Amino acid sequence: LQAAGKKNSFNLLELTEAELEEQFVRGDGPGGQATNKTNNCVVLKHIPSGIVVKCHQTRSVEKNRKIAREILQEKVDLFYKGEDSDIFKEKKASERKKQEKKRRAKENLERKKHFKEMQQLDKK
């Protein structure tokens, strides 16, 4: 659910600031001194559901706050709506598409293999 931004078209549950608990902590991972000295990692907790999101995708605190809220909104929507959630439906559709693509690639590979075998037989 990291691809936040295109989810605006979905009918997601709204979050109020009163339901959120926000902290700024030091991030981890590569980045050296820039990461070790700045508190630009956002930890956002939705108090009613207990869902926690940690976002350290950019160096900007404001961008991380925005991304964290979008991710949390998607997770809360999924938590409350379950299979009725637009996020869940999008994920399932993407999964089906990926499986279909794999199946077609496998069939294509088998067809090519069969074709090469037929060519070998024709040469003999």
Protein backbone atom coordinates (compact mmCIF):
# COMPACT_ATOMS: atom_id res chain seq x y z
CA LEU A 1 0.00 0.00 0.00
CA GLN A 2 2.94 2.26 -0.44
CA ALA A 3 1.65 3.71 -3.70
CA ALA A 4 -0.22 6.58 -2.12
CA GLY A 5 -1.54 9.41 -4.25
CA LYS A 6 -3.77 7.67 -6.80
CA LYS A 7 -6.11 6.51 -4.03
CA ASN A 8 -8.02 9.81 -4.01
CA SER A 9 -10.58 8.31 -6.38
CA PHE A 10 -11.52 5.69 -3.79
CA ASN A 11 -14.29 6.16 -1.25
CA LEU A 12 -12.13 5.94 1.89
CA LEU A 13 -13.14 6.52 5.49
CA GLU A 14 -12.26 9.98 6.74
CA LEU A 15 -9.81 10.41 9.60
CA THR A 16 -10.09 13.21 12.13
CA GLU A 17 -7.05 14.74 13.79
CA ALA A 18 -8.56 13.93 17.23
CA GLU A 19 -8.26 10.20 16.42
CA LEU A 20 -4.57 10.47 15.52
CA GLU A 21 -1.44 10.45 17.65
CA GLU A 22 1.63 11.75 15.86
CA GLN A 23 5.32 11.47 16.75
CA PHE A 24 8.49 12.53 14.99
CA VAL A 25 11.44 10.19 15.45
CA ARG A 26 14.81 9.61 13.89
CA GLY A 27 14.62 7.44 10.83
CA ASP A 28 16.74 4.42 10.10
CA GLY A 29 18.52 3.08 7.07
CA PRO A 30 20.99 4.72 4.68
CA GLY A 31 21.57 8.45 4.78
CA GLY A 32 24.36 8.94 7.29
CA GLN A 33 24.41 12.20 9.21
CA ALA A 34 21.27 13.53 7.50
CA THR A 35 19.31 10.57 8.87
CA ASN A 36 21.02 10.31 12.23
CA LYS A 37 20.55 13.95 13.28
CA THR A 38 17.05 14.82 12.07
CA ASN A 39 13.65 13.73 13.39
CA ASN A 40 11.88 13.54 10.04
CA CYS A 41 10.39 10.06 10.37
CA VAL A 42 6.66 10.24 11.15
CA VAL A 43 4.96 7.66 13.37
CA LEU A 44 1.19 7.96 13.13
CA LYS A 45 -1.24 5.98 15.29
CA HIS A 46 -4.98 5.67 14.80
CA ILE A 47 -6.17 5.46 18.42
CA PRO A 48 -9.58 3.71 17.94
CA SER A 49 -8.17 0.84 15.84
CA GLY A 50 -4.60 0.78 17.19
CA ILE A 51 -3.10 0.81 13.68
CA VAL A 52 0.40 2.34 13.55
CA VAL A 53 2.15 3.63 10.41
CA LYS A 54 5.79 4.69 10.20
CA CYS A 55 6.81 6.80 7.22
CA HIS A 56 10.36 7.85 6.33
CA GLN A 57 10.16 7.96 2.53
CA THR A 58 11.49 11.50 2.07
CA ARG A 59 13.69 13.98 3.94
CA SER A 60 10.78 16.40 4.28
CA VAL A 61 8.68 16.12 7.44
CA GLU A 62 5.64 17.62 5.71
CA LYS A 63 5.75 15.14 2.83
CA ASN A 64 6.21 12.26 5.27
CA ARG A 65 3.21 13.50 7.30
CA LYS A 66 1.05 13.59 4.17
CA ILE A 67 2.18 10.15 2.95
CA ALA A 68 1.71 8.65 6.43
CA ARG A 69 -1.86 9.98 6.61
CA GLU A 70 -2.68 8.54 3.17
CA ILE A 71 -1.26 5.13 4.07
CA LEU A 72 -3.01 5.15 7.44
CA GLN A 73 -6.31 6.11 5.80
CA GLU A 74 -6.00 3.15 3.43
CA LYS A 75 -5.16 0.75 6.26
CA VAL A 76 -8.01 1.99 8.47
CA ASP A 77 -10.43 1.68 5.55
CA LEU A 78 -9.26 -1.88 4.96
CA PHE A 79 -9.50 -2.64 8.69
CA TYR A 80 -13.12 -1.46 9.03
CA LYS A 81 -14.58 -2.38 5.63
CA GLY A 82 -12.65 -5.60 5.01
CA GLU A 83 -13.56 -7.18 1.66
CA ASP A 84 -15.95 -4.31 0.85
CA SER A 85 -13.05 -1.85 0.79
CA ASP A 86 -12.04 -0.34 -2.55
CA ILE A 87 -8.41 -0.93 -1.58
CA PHE A 88 -9.09 -4.66 -1.13
CA LYS A 89 -10.90 -4.87 -4.46
CA GLU A 90 -8.05 -3.03 -6.22
CA LYS A 91 -5.49 -5.36 -4.64
CA LYS A 92 -7.44 -8.47 -5.71
CA ALA A 93 -7.86 -7.16 -9.27
CA SER A 94 -4.13 -6.46 -9.47
CA GLU A 95 -3.37 -9.94 -8.15
CA ARG A 96 -5.66 -11.57 -10.75
CA LYS A 97 -4.07 -9.52 -13.51
CA LYS A 98 -0.60 -10.60 -12.40
CA GLN A 99 -1.61 -14.28 -12.27
CA GLU A 100 -3.17 -14.04 -15.74
CA LYS A 101 0.01 -12.48 -17.10
CA LYS A 102 2.10 -15.29 -15.56
CA ARG A 103 -0.23 -17.92 -17.04
CA ARG A 104 0.00 -16.41 -20.53
CA ALA A 105 3.80 -16.18 -20.31
CA LYS A 106 3.97 -19.83 -19.29
CA GLU A 107 1.69 -20.87 -22.18
CA ASN A 108 3.80 -18.83 -24.59
CA LEU A 109 6.97 -20.49 -23.35
CA GLU A 110 5.41 -23.94 -23.80
CA ARG A 111 4.32 -23.01 -27.34
CA LYS A 112 7.84 -21.88 -28.23
CA LYS A 113 9.31 -25.05 -26.75
CA HIS A 114 6.88 -27.18 -28.74
CA PHE A 115 7.66 -25.21 -31.91
CA LYS A 116 11.41 -25.79 -31.49
CA GLU A 117 10.84 -29.49 -30.95
CA MET A 118 8.81 -29.65 -34.17
CA GLN A 119 11.60 -27.85 -36.05
CA GLN A 120 14.14 -30.36 -34.72
CA LEU A 121 11.97 -33.24 -35.93
CA ASP A 122 11.57 -31.66 -39.36
CA LYS A 123 15.36 -31.31 -39.75
CA LYS A 124 15.93 -35.01 -39.09
